[in-house]
Amino acid sequence: MSTHDLLLVYSGTVIEEDTLTLGQLCHACNVHADWIISLIEESIIEPQGENSRTWRFSGSSLIRARSALRLQRDLGVNLAGIALALDLMEELENLRTKIKIQNSLL
């Protein structure tokens, strides 16, 4: 992913076909690698690759990492709470999508 593409990520556009390295994800979230590794250890995000040098992160990992950062920074939620909150928020969004689909079929 080029510097130009990272600027697009900052503006809110997530390009799902591209992946981010650990360094790029840290840069996009303005955090240290240790914090990203903590997210991985709590299964909040999941990299592709066998070790930190080959890890690649999807656009959804970027979204989850930024959401995790906001939960921690703004609300003081710990990592276990962040994992739970993000899973519940994702489930809520899935249910809302199902309801919209069902309503459109009626």
PDB file of N, CA and C in Angstrom:
ATOM      1  N   MET A   1       0.864  -1.171   0.000  1.00  0.00           N
ATOM      2  CA  MET A   1       0.000   0.000   0.000  1.00  0.00           C
ATOM      3  C   MET A   1       0.904   1.225   0.000  1.00  0.00           C
ATOM      4  N   SER A   2       0.637   2.163  -0.876  1.00  0.00           N
ATOM      5  CA  SER A   2       1.460   3.354  -1.002  1.00  0.00           C
ATOM      6  C   SER A   2       1.040   4.431  -0.020  1.00  0.00           C
ATOM      7  N   THR A   3       1.859   5.480   0.076  1.00  0.00           N
ATOM      8  CA  THR A   3       1.545   6.613   0.941  1.00  0.00           C
ATOM      9  C   THR A   3       0.237   7.258   0.516  1.00  0.00           C
ATOM     10  N   HIS A   4      -0.004   7.345  -0.782  1.00  0.00           N
ATOM     11  CA  HIS A   4      -1.259   7.914  -1.280  1.00  0.00           C
ATOM     12  C   HIS A   4      -2.449   7.113  -0.780  1.00  0.00           C
ATOM     13  N   ASP A   5      -2.322   5.785  -0.799  1.00  0.00           N
ATOM     14  CA  ASP A   5      -3.399   4.924  -0.321  1.00  0.00           C
ATOM     15  C   ASP A   5      -3.637   5.114   1.171  1.00  0.00           C
ATOM     16  N   LEU A   6      -2.565   5.320   1.934  1.00  0.00           N
ATOM     17  CA  LEU A   6      -2.734   5.570   3.370  1.00  0.00           C
ATOM     18  C   LEU A   6      -3.494   6.862   3.603  1.00  0.00           C
ATOM     19  N   LEU A   7      -3.273   7.858   2.744  1.00  0.00           N
ATOM     20  CA  LEU A   7      -4.037   9.098   2.873  1.00  0.00           C
ATOM     21  C   LEU A   7      -5.520   8.819   2.668  1.00  0.00           C
ATOM     22  N   LEU A   8      -5.852   7.922   1.750  1.00  0.00           N
ATOM     23  CA  LEU A   8      -7.249   7.543   1.552  1.00  0.00           C
ATOM     24  C   LEU A   8      -7.799   6.859   2.795  1.00  0.00           C
ATOM     25  N   VAL A   9      -6.983   6.040   3.442  1.00  0.00           N
ATOM     26  CA  VAL A   9      -7.413   5.372   4.668  1.00  0.00           C
ATOM     27  C   VAL A   9      -7.699   6.410   5.744  1.00  0.00           C
ATOM     28  N   TYR A  10      -6.839   7.429   5.861  1.00  0.00           N
ATOM     29  CA  TYR A  10      -7.069   8.475   6.848  1.00  0.00           C
ATOM     30  C   TYR A  10      -8.371   9.214   6.601  1.00  0.00           C
ATOM     31  N   SER A  11      -8.746   9.352   5.333  1.00  0.00           N
ATOM     32  CA  SER A  11      -9.955  10.107   5.019  1.00  0.00           C
ATOM     33  C   SER A  11     -11.221   9.294   5.216  1.00  0.00           C
ATOM     34  N   GLY A  12     -11.079   7.997   5.519  1.00  0.00           N
ATOM     35  CA  GLY A  12     -12.257   7.196   5.796  1.00  0.00           C
ATOM     36  C   GLY A  12     -12.560   6.144   4.760  1.00  0.00           C
ATOM     37  N   THR A  13     -11.814   6.110   3.665  1.00  0.00           N
ATOM     38  CA  THR A  13     -12.022   5.103   2.647  1.00  0.00           C
ATOM     39  C   THR A  13     -11.199   3.872   2.993  1.00  0.00           C
ATOM     40  N   VAL A  14     -11.855   2.731   3.099  1.00  0.00           N
ATOM     41  CA  VAL A  14     -11.140   1.494   3.363  1.00  0.00           C
ATOM     42  C   VAL A  14     -11.116   0.679   2.095  1.00  0.00           C
ATOM     43  N   ILE A  15      -9.920   0.322   1.672  1.00  0.00           N
ATOM     44  CA  ILE A  15      -9.745  -0.441   0.449  1.00  0.00           C
ATOM     45  C   ILE A  15      -9.535  -1.886   0.861  1.00  0.00           C
ATOM     46  N   GLU A  16     -10.557  -2.710   0.714  1.00  0.00           N
ATOM     47  CA  GLU A  16     -10.526  -4.078   1.227  1.00  0.00           C
ATOM     48  C   GLU A  16      -9.562  -4.972   0.462  1.00  0.00           C
ATOM     49  N   GLU A  17      -9.297  -4.694  -0.808  1.00  0.00           N
ATOM     50  CA  GLU A  17      -8.409  -5.548  -1.571  1.00  0.00           C
ATOM     51  C   GLU A  17      -6.974  -5.428  -1.098  1.00  0.00           C
ATOM     52  N   ASP A  18      -6.590  -4.271  -0.614  1.00  0.00           N
ATOM     53  CA  ASP A  18      -5.232  -4.053  -0.145  1.00  0.00           C
ATOM     54  C   ASP A  18      -5.112  -4.465   1.310  1.00  0.00           C
ATOM     55  N   THR A  19      -3.902  -4.786   1.703  1.00  0.00           N
ATOM     56  CA  THR A  19      -3.638  -5.115   3.096  1.00  0.00           C
ATOM     57  C   THR A  19      -2.588  -4.164   3.634  1.00  0.00           C
ATOM     58  N   LEU A  20      -2.557  -4.068   4.941  1.00  0.00           N
ATOM     59  CA  LEU A  20      -1.604  -3.205   5.621  1.00  0.00           C
ATOM     60  C   LEU A  20      -0.568  -4.053   6.344  1.00  0.00           C
ATOM     61  N   THR A  21       0.654  -3.577   6.379  1.00  0.00           N
ATOM     62  CA  THR A  21       1.673  -4.200   7.214  1.00  0.00           C
ATOM     63  C   THR A  21       1.455  -3.743   8.652  1.00  0.00           C
ATOM     64  N   LEU A  22       2.177  -4.342   9.577  1.00  0.00           N
ATOM     65  CA  LEU A  22       2.085  -3.918  10.973  1.00  0.00           C
ATOM     66  C   LEU A  22       2.454  -2.445  11.113  1.00  0.00           C
ATOM     67  N   GLY A  23       3.513  -2.044  10.439  1.00  0.00           N
ATOM     68  CA  GLY A  23       3.943  -0.645  10.500  1.00  0.00           C
ATOM     69  C   GLY A  23       2.903   0.312   9.946  1.00  0.00           C
ATOM     70  N   GLN A  24       2.289  -0.069   8.833  1.00  0.00           N
ATOM     71  CA  GLN A  24       1.255   0.787   8.234  1.00  0.00           C
ATOM     72  C   GLN A  24       0.025   0.874   9.122  1.00  0.00           C
ATOM     73  N   LEU A  25      -0.357  -0.246   9.748  1.00  0.00           N
ATOM     74  CA  LEU A  25      -1.505  -0.221  10.656  1.00  0.00           C
ATOM     75  C   LEU A  25      -1.208   0.658  11.858  1.00  0.00           C
ATOM     76  N   CYS A  26      -0.009   0.542  12.405  1.00  0.00           N
ATOM     77  CA  CYS A  26       0.396   1.402  13.527  1.00  0.00           C
ATOM     78  C   CYS A  26       0.343   2.868  13.121  1.00  0.00           C
ATOM     79  N   HIS A  27       0.853   3.165  11.943  1.00  0.00           N
ATOM     80  CA  HIS A  27       0.855   4.542  11.441  1.00  0.00           C
ATOM     81  C   HIS A  27      -0.571   5.055  11.235  1.00  0.00           C
ATOM     82  N   ALA A  28      -1.427   4.216  10.657  1.00  0.00           N
ATOM     83  CA  ALA A  28      -2.805   4.623  10.385  1.00  0.00           C
ATOM     84  C   ALA A  28      -3.585   4.875  11.672  1.00  0.00           C
ATOM     85  N   CYS A  29      -3.231   4.151  12.744  1.00  0.00           N
ATOM     86  CA  CYS A  29      -3.928   4.314  14.033  1.00  0.00           C
ATOM     87  C   CYS A  29      -3.173   5.227  14.988  1.00  0.00           C
ATOM     88  N   ASN A  30      -1.948   5.586  14.610  1.00  0.00           N
ATOM     89  CA  ASN A  30      -1.089   6.426  15.449  1.00  0.00           C
ATOM     90  C   ASN A  30      -0.833   5.768  16.812  1.00  0.00           C
ATOM     91  N   VAL A  31      -0.440   4.485  16.778  1.00  0.00           N
ATOM     92  CA  VAL A  31      -0.145   3.722  17.991  1.00  0.00           C
ATOM     93  C   VAL A  31       1.159   2.953  17.793  1.00  0.00           C
ATOM     94  N   HIS A  32       1.684   2.427  18.893  1.00  0.00           N
ATOM     95  CA  HIS A  32       2.879   1.593  18.854  1.00  0.00           C
ATOM     96  C   HIS A  32       2.500   0.151  18.519  1.00  0.00           C
ATOM     97  N   ALA A  33       3.453  -0.581  18.007  1.00  0.00           N
ATOM     98  CA  ALA A  33       3.230  -1.979  17.629  1.00  0.00           C
ATOM     99  C   ALA A  33       2.788  -2.825  18.817  1.00  0.00           C
ATOM    100  N   ASP A  34       3.279  -2.509  20.012  1.00  0.00           N
ATOM    101  CA  ASP A  34       2.887  -3.282  21.201  1.00  0.00           C
ATOM    102  C   ASP A  34       1.376  -3.252  21.409  1.00  0.00           C
ATOM    103  N   TRP A  35       0.750  -2.124  21.119  1.00  0.00           N
ATOM    104  CA  TRP A  35      -0.697  -2.020  21.312  1.00  0.00           C
ATOM    105  C   TRP A  35      -1.435  -2.882  20.291  1.00  0.00           C
ATOM    106  N   ILE A  36      -0.973  -2.877  19.052  1.00  0.00           N
ATOM    107  CA  ILE A  36      -1.572  -3.720  18.020  1.00  0.00           C
ATOM    108  C   ILE A  36      -1.393  -5.196  18.389  1.00  0.00           C
ATOM    109  N   ILE A  37      -0.217  -5.559  18.879  1.00  0.00           N
ATOM    110  CA  ILE A  37       0.031  -6.938  19.295  1.00  0.00           C
ATOM    111  C   ILE A  37      -0.912  -7.328  20.424  1.00  0.00           C
ATOM    112  N   SER A  38      -1.206  -6.404  21.328  1.00  0.00           N
ATOM    113  CA  SER A  38      -2.178  -6.671  22.398  1.00  0.00           C
ATOM    114  C   SER A  38      -3.557  -6.965  21.822  1.00  0.00           C
ATOM    115  N   LEU A  39      -3.948  -6.240  20.773  1.00  0.00           N
ATOM    116  CA  LEU A  39      -5.230  -6.500  20.110  1.00  0.00           C
ATOM    117  C   LEU A  39      -5.252  -7.890  19.495  1.00  0.00           C
ATOM    118  N   ILE A  40      -4.130  -8.302  18.941  1.00  0.00           N
ATOM    119  CA  ILE A  40      -4.030  -9.635  18.344  1.00  0.00           C
ATOM    120  C   ILE A  40      -4.140 -10.705  19.430  1.00  0.00           C
ATOM    121  N   GLU A  41      -3.460 -10.492  20.543  1.00  0.00           N
ATOM    122  CA  GLU A  41      -3.490 -11.457  21.643  1.00  0.00           C
ATOM    123  C   GLU A  41      -4.888 -11.619  22.224  1.00  0.00           C
ATOM    124  N   GLU A  42      -5.694 -10.578  22.187  1.00  0.00           N
ATOM    125  CA  GLU A  42      -7.070 -10.632  22.683  1.00  0.00           C
ATOM    126  C   GLU A  42      -8.060 -11.053  21.598  1.00  0.00           C
ATOM    127  N   SER A  43      -7.543 -11.392  20.415  1.00  0.00           N
ATOM    128  CA  SER A  43      -8.359 -11.801  19.258  1.00  0.00           C
ATOM    129  C   SER A  43      -9.317 -10.697  18.801  1.00  0.00           C
ATOM    130  N   ILE A  44      -8.932  -9.471  19.013  1.00  0.00           N
ATOM    131  CA  ILE A  44      -9.729  -8.335  18.545  1.00  0.00           C
ATOM    132  C   ILE A  44      -9.522  -8.151  17.045  1.00  0.00           C
ATOM    133  N   ILE A  45      -8.285  -8.326  16.601  1.00  0.00           N
ATOM    134  CA  ILE A  45      -7.969  -8.344  15.179  1.00  0.00           C
ATOM    135  C   ILE A  45      -7.127  -9.578  14.905  1.00  0.00           C
ATOM    136  N   GLU A  46      -7.154 -10.029  13.663  1.00  0.00           N
ATOM    137  CA  GLU A  46      -6.406 -11.227  13.292  1.00  0.00           C
ATOM    138  C   GLU A  46      -5.592 -10.948  12.035  1.00  0.00           C
ATOM    139  N   PRO A  47      -4.265 -11.027  12.171  1.00  0.00           N
ATOM    140  CA  PRO A  47      -3.423 -10.810  10.992  1.00  0.00           C
ATOM    141  C   PRO A  47      -3.353 -12.054  10.129  1.00  0.00           C
ATOM    142  N   GLN A  48      -3.008 -11.837   8.890  1.00  0.00           N
ATOM    143  CA  GLN A  48      -2.680 -12.943   8.000  1.00  0.00           C
ATOM    144  C   GLN A  48      -1.162 -13.018   7.975  1.00  0.00           C
ATOM    145  N   GLY A  49      -0.622 -14.196   8.054  1.00  0.00           N
ATOM    146  CA  GLY A  49       0.829 -14.360   8.064  1.00  0.00           C
ATOM    147  C   GLY A  49       1.288 -15.058   9.328  1.00  0.00           C
ATOM    148  N   GLU A  50       2.509 -15.569   9.270  1.00  0.00           N
ATOM    149  CA  GLU A  50       3.000 -16.404  10.357  1.00  0.00           C
ATOM    150  C   GLU A  50       3.699 -15.654  11.469  1.00  0.00           C
ATOM    151  N   ASN A  51       4.318 -14.522  11.177  1.00  0.00           N
ATOM    152  CA  ASN A  51       5.007 -13.756  12.224  1.00  0.00           C
ATOM    153  C   ASN A  51       4.859 -12.267  11.943  1.00  0.00           C
ATOM    154  N   SER A  52       5.294 -11.471  12.881  1.00  0.00           N
ATOM    155  CA  SER A  52       5.067 -10.026  12.783  1.00  0.00           C
ATOM    156  C   SER A  52       5.713  -9.409  11.548  1.00  0.00           C
ATOM    157  N   ARG A  53       6.734 -10.018  11.013  1.00  0.00           N
ATOM    158  CA  ARG A  53       7.378  -9.480   9.808  1.00  0.00           C
ATOM    159  C   ARG A  53       6.551  -9.722   8.553  1.00  0.00           C
ATOM    160  N   THR A  54       5.724 -10.760   8.576  1.00  0.00           N
ATOM    161  CA  THR A  54       4.923 -11.083   7.391  1.00  0.00           C
ATOM    162  C   THR A  54       3.436 -10.806   7.596  1.00  0.00           C
ATOM    163  N   TRP A  55       3.068 -10.303   8.772  1.00  0.00           N
ATOM    164  CA  TRP A  55       1.662 -10.017   9.034  1.00  0.00           C
ATOM    165  C   TRP A  55       1.103  -9.024   8.033  1.00  0.00           C
ATOM    166  N   ARG A  56      -0.149  -9.259   7.635  1.00  0.00           N
ATOM    167  CA  ARG A  56      -0.909  -8.327   6.805  1.00  0.00           C
ATOM    168  C   ARG A  56      -2.282  -8.193   7.433  1.00  0.00           C
ATOM    169  N   PHE A  57      -2.812  -6.978   7.412  1.00  0.00           N
ATOM    170  CA  PHE A  57      -4.084  -6.675   8.050  1.00  0.00           C
ATOM    171  C   PHE A  57      -5.070  -6.151   7.016  1.00  0.00           C
ATOM    172  N   SER A  58      -6.299  -6.587   7.141  1.00  0.00           N
ATOM    173  CA  SER A  58      -7.361  -6.178   6.218  1.00  0.00           C
ATOM    174  C   SER A  58      -7.926  -4.819   6.618  1.00  0.00           C
ATOM    175  N   GLY A  59      -8.778  -4.300   5.750  1.00  0.00           N
ATOM    176  CA  GLY A  59      -9.471  -3.050   6.060  1.00  0.00           C
ATOM    177  C   GLY A  59     -10.355  -3.185   7.285  1.00  0.00           C
ATOM    178  N   SER A  60     -10.953  -4.353   7.472  1.00  0.00           N
ATOM    179  CA  SER A  60     -11.795  -4.545   8.657  1.00  0.00           C
ATOM    180  C   SER A  60     -10.960  -4.546   9.935  1.00  0.00           C
ATOM    181  N   SER A  61      -9.709  -4.998   9.854  1.00  0.00           N
ATOM    182  CA  SER A  61      -8.818  -4.926  11.016  1.00  0.00           C
ATOM    183  C   SER A  61      -8.522  -3.467  11.364  1.00  0.00           C
ATOM    184  N   LEU A  62      -8.356  -2.651  10.344  1.00  0.00           N
ATOM    185  CA  LEU A  62      -8.128  -1.222  10.575  1.00  0.00           C
ATOM    186  C   LEU A  62      -9.334  -0.597  11.269  1.00  0.00           C
ATOM    187  N   ILE A  63     -10.517  -0.913  10.800  1.00  0.00           N
ATOM    188  CA  ILE A  63     -11.734  -0.364  11.404  1.00  0.00           C
ATOM    189  C   ILE A  63     -11.856  -0.815  12.856  1.00  0.00           C
ATOM    190  N   ARG A  64     -11.618  -2.115  13.114  1.00  0.00           N
ATOM    191  CA  ARG A  64     -11.710  -2.638  14.480  1.00  0.00           C
ATOM    192  C   ARG A  64     -10.644  -2.021  15.382  1.00  0.00           C
ATOM    193  N   ALA A  65      -9.437  -1.846  14.862  1.00  0.00           N
ATOM    194  CA  ALA A  65      -8.360  -1.252  15.662  1.00  0.00           C
ATOM    195  C   ALA A  65      -8.697   0.192  16.029  1.00  0.00           C
ATOM    196  N   ARG A  66      -9.212   0.941  15.084  1.00  0.00           N
ATOM    197  CA  ARG A  66      -9.591   2.330  15.380  1.00  0.00           C
ATOM    198  C   ARG A  66     -10.759   2.394  16.366  1.00  0.00           C
ATOM    199  N   SER A  67     -11.710   1.494  16.225  1.00  0.00           N
ATOM    200  CA  SER A  67     -12.826   1.444  17.177  1.00  0.00           C
ATOM    201  C   SER A  67     -12.321   1.073  18.566  1.00  0.00           C
ATOM    202  N   ALA A  68     -11.398   0.125  18.623  1.00  0.00           N
ATOM    203  CA  ALA A  68     -10.812  -0.288  19.902  1.00  0.00           C
ATOM    204  C   ALA A  68     -10.090   0.883  20.553  1.00  0.00           C
ATOM    205  N   LEU A  69      -9.373   1.635  19.763  1.00  0.00           N
ATOM    206  CA  LEU A  69      -8.652   2.797  20.280  1.00  0.00           C
ATOM    207  C   LEU A  69      -9.614   3.816  20.874  1.00  0.00           C
ATOM    208  N   ARG A  70     -10.720   4.062  20.177  1.00  0.00           N
ATOM    209  CA  ARG A  70     -11.710   5.019  20.701  1.00  0.00           C
ATOM    210  C   ARG A  70     -12.345   4.519  21.992  1.00  0.00           C
ATOM    211  N   LEU A  71     -12.667   3.229  22.048  1.00  0.00           N
ATOM    212  CA  LEU A  71     -13.259   2.670  23.273  1.00  0.00           C
ATOM    213  C   LEU A  71     -12.300   2.798  24.447  1.00  0.00           C
ATOM    214  N   GLN A  72     -11.031   2.535  24.198  1.00  0.00           N
ATOM    215  CA  GLN A  72     -10.044   2.627  25.272  1.00  0.00           C
ATOM    216  C   GLN A  72      -9.782   4.078  25.672  1.00  0.00           C
ATOM    217  N   ARG A  73      -9.589   4.939  24.692  1.00  0.00           N
ATOM    218  CA  ARG A  73      -9.254   6.332  24.949  1.00  0.00           C
ATOM    219  C   ARG A  73     -10.432   7.112  25.543  1.00  0.00           C
ATOM    220  N   ASP A  74     -11.606   6.974  24.945  1.00  0.00           N
ATOM    221  CA  ASP A  74     -12.744   7.797  25.339  1.00  0.00           C
ATOM    222  C   ASP A  74     -13.504   7.246  26.540  1.00  0.00           C
ATOM    223  N   LEU A  75     -13.566   5.919  26.653  1.00  0.00           N
ATOM    224  CA  LEU A  75     -14.381   5.315  27.705  1.00  0.00           C
ATOM    225  C   LEU A  75     -13.573   4.547  28.743  1.00  0.00           C
ATOM    226  N   GLY A  76     -12.274   4.385  28.515  1.00  0.00           N
ATOM    227  CA  GLY A  76     -11.435   3.674  29.466  1.00  0.00           C
ATOM    228  C   GLY A  76     -11.696   2.175  29.520  1.00  0.00           C
ATOM    229  N   VAL A  77     -12.204   1.604  28.441  1.00  0.00           N
ATOM    230  CA  VAL A  77     -12.522   0.180  28.407  1.00  0.00           C
ATOM    231  C   VAL A  77     -11.225  -0.618  28.260  1.00  0.00           C
ATOM    232  N   ASN A  78     -11.094  -1.716  29.035  1.00  0.00           N
ATOM    233  CA  ASN A  78      -9.908  -2.560  28.917  1.00  0.00           C
ATOM    234  C   ASN A  78     -10.029  -3.469  27.695  1.00  0.00           C
ATOM    235  N   LEU A  79      -8.956  -4.204  27.394  1.00  0.00           N
ATOM    236  CA  LEU A  79      -8.927  -4.998  26.165  1.00  0.00           C
ATOM    237  C   LEU A  79     -10.001  -6.082  26.129  1.00  0.00           C
ATOM    238  N   ALA A  80     -10.246  -6.743  27.249  1.00  0.00           N
ATOM    239  CA  ALA A  80     -11.300  -7.765  27.271  1.00  0.00           C
ATOM    240  C   ALA A  80     -12.662  -7.133  27.004  1.00  0.00           C
ATOM    241  N   GLY A  81     -12.893  -5.960  27.584  1.00  0.00           N
ATOM    242  CA  GLY A  81     -14.145  -5.244  27.349  1.00  0.00           C
ATOM    243  C   GLY A  81     -14.270  -4.769  25.918  1.00  0.00           C
ATOM    244  N   ILE A  82     -13.147  -4.365  25.342  1.00  0.00           N
ATOM    245  CA  ILE A  82     -13.139  -3.932  23.941  1.00  0.00           C
ATOM    246  C   ILE A  82     -13.535  -5.090  23.034  1.00  0.00           C
ATOM    247  N   ALA A  83     -12.966  -6.266  23.289  1.00  0.00           N
ATOM    248  CA  ALA A  83     -13.290  -7.445  22.474  1.00  0.00           C
ATOM    249  C   ALA A  83     -14.782  -7.746  22.543  1.00  0.00           C
ATOM    250  N   LEU A  84     -15.327  -7.715  23.737  1.00  0.00           N
ATOM    251  CA  LEU A  84     -16.756  -7.981  23.915  1.00  0.00           C
ATOM    252  C   LEU A  84     -17.603  -6.912  23.230  1.00  0.00           C
ATOM    253  N   ALA A  85     -17.261  -5.652  23.455  1.00  0.00           N
ATOM    254  CA  ALA A  85     -18.034  -4.551  22.876  1.00  0.00           C
ATOM    255  C   ALA A  85     -18.020  -4.605  21.346  1.00  0.00           C
ATOM    256  N   LEU A  86     -16.866  -4.846  20.756  1.00  0.00           N
ATOM    257  CA  LEU A  86     -16.788  -4.899  19.289  1.00  0.00           C
ATOM    258  C   LEU A  86     -17.560  -6.080  18.729  1.00  0.00           C
ATOM    259  N   ASP A  87     -17.499  -7.217  19.413  1.00  0.00           N
ATOM    260  CA  ASP A  87     -18.281  -8.375  18.952  1.00  0.00           C
ATOM    261  C   ASP A  87     -19.774  -8.092  19.030  1.00  0.00           C
ATOM    262  N   LEU A  88     -20.220  -7.458  20.111  1.00  0.00           N
ATOM    263  CA  LEU A  88     -21.634  -7.121  20.248  1.00  0.00           C
ATOM    264  C   LEU A  88     -22.068  -6.081  19.223  1.00  0.00           C
ATOM    265  N   MET A  89     -21.222  -5.098  18.965  1.00  0.00           N
ATOM    266  CA  MET A  89     -21.544  -4.075  17.969  1.00  0.00           C
ATOM    267  C   MET A  89     -21.638  -4.693  16.573  1.00  0.00           C
ATOM    268  N   GLU A  90     -20.752  -5.645  16.279  1.00  0.00           N
ATOM    269  CA  GLU A  90     -20.785  -6.328  14.992  1.00  0.00           C
ATOM    270  C   GLU A  90     -22.053  -7.174  14.857  1.00  0.00           C
ATOM    271  N   GLU A  91     -22.420  -7.858  15.934  1.00  0.00           N
ATOM    272  CA  GLU A  91     -23.645  -8.668  15.919  1.00  0.00           C
ATOM    273  C   GLU A  91     -24.877  -7.790  15.741  1.00  0.00           C
ATOM    274  N   LEU A  92     -24.895  -6.654  16.398  1.00  0.00           N
ATOM    275  CA  LEU A  92     -26.002  -5.706  16.256  1.00  0.00           C
ATOM    276  C   LEU A  92     -26.119  -5.230  14.815  1.00  0.00           C
ATOM    277  N   GLU A  93     -24.996  -4.914  14.203  1.00  0.00           N
ATOM    278  CA  GLU A  93     -25.015  -4.467  12.807  1.00  0.00           C
ATOM    279  C   GLU A  93     -25.519  -5.576  11.882  1.00  0.00           C
ATOM    280  N   ASN A  94     -25.102  -6.810  12.145  1.00  0.00           N
ATOM    281  CA  ASN A  94     -25.584  -7.940  11.339  1.00  0.00           C
ATOM    282  C   ASN A  94     -27.097  -8.116  11.471  1.00  0.00           C
ATOM    283  N   LEU A  95     -27.618  -7.979  12.687  1.00  0.00           N
ATOM    284  CA  LEU A  95     -29.057  -8.097  12.901  1.00  0.00           C
ATOM    285  C   LEU A  95     -29.817  -6.970  12.206  1.00  0.00           C
ATOM    286  N   ARG A  96     -29.287  -5.772  12.268  1.00  0.00           N
ATOM    287  CA  ARG A  96     -29.920  -4.645  11.576  1.00  0.00           C
ATOM    288  C   ARG A  96     -29.965  -4.875  10.075  1.00  0.00           C
ATOM    289  N   THR A  97     -28.886  -5.424   9.531  1.00  0.00           N
ATOM    290  CA  THR A  97     -28.848  -5.720   8.104  1.00  0.00           C
ATOM    291  C   THR A  97     -29.889  -6.768   7.742  1.00  0.00           C
ATOM    292  N   LYS A  98     -30.022  -7.809   8.552  1.00  0.00           N
ATOM    293  CA  LYS A  98     -31.029  -8.841   8.306  1.00  0.00           C
ATOM    294  C   LYS A  98     -32.435  -8.268   8.348  1.00  0.00           C
ATOM    295  N   ILE A  99     -32.689  -7.376   9.300  1.00  0.00           N
ATOM    296  CA  ILE A  99     -34.016  -6.755   9.411  1.00  0.00           C
ATOM    297  C   ILE A  99     -34.308  -5.913   8.175  1.00  0.00           C
ATOM    298  N   LYS A 100     -33.336  -5.158   7.714  1.00  0.00           N
ATOM    299  CA  LYS A 100     -33.520  -4.343   6.506  1.00  0.00           C
ATOM    300  C   LYS A 100     -33.835  -5.225   5.303  1.00  0.00           C
ATOM    301  N   ILE A 101     -33.131  -6.329   5.187  1.00  0.00           N
ATOM    302  CA  ILE A 101     -33.358  -7.238   4.063  1.00  0.00           C
ATOM    303  C   ILE A 101     -34.769  -7.832   4.144  1.00  0.00           C
ATOM    304  N   GLN A 102     -35.169  -8.259   5.331  1.00  0.00           N
ATOM    305  CA  GLN A 102     -36.496  -8.838   5.505  1.00  0.00           C
ATOM    306  C   GLN A 102     -37.587  -7.810   5.213  1.00  0.00           C
ATOM    307  N   ASN A 103     -37.385  -6.580   5.677  1.00  0.00           N
ATOM    308  CA  ASN A 103     -38.363  -5.533   5.418  1.00  0.00           C
ATOM    309  C   ASN A 103     -38.470  -5.184   3.945  1.00  0.00           C
ATOM    310  N   SER A 104     -37.365  -5.276   3.237  1.00  0.00           N
ATOM    311  CA  SER A 104     -37.388  -4.962   1.804  1.00  0.00           C
ATOM    312  C   SER A 104     -38.084  -6.053   1.008  1.00  0.00           C
ATOM    313  N   LEU A 105     -38.121  -7.262   1.551  1.00  0.00           N
ATOM    314  CA  LEU A 105     -38.785  -8.378   0.868  1.00  0.00           C
ATOM    315  C   LEU A 105     -40.302  -8.380   1.091  1.00  0.00           C
ATOM    316  N   LEU A 106     -40.756  -7.651   2.087  1.00  0.00           N
ATOM    317  CA  LEU A 106     -42.204  -7.633   2.387  1.00  0.00           C
ATOM    318  C   LEU A 106     -42.983  -6.765   1.440  1.00  0.00           C
TER     319      LEU A 106
END
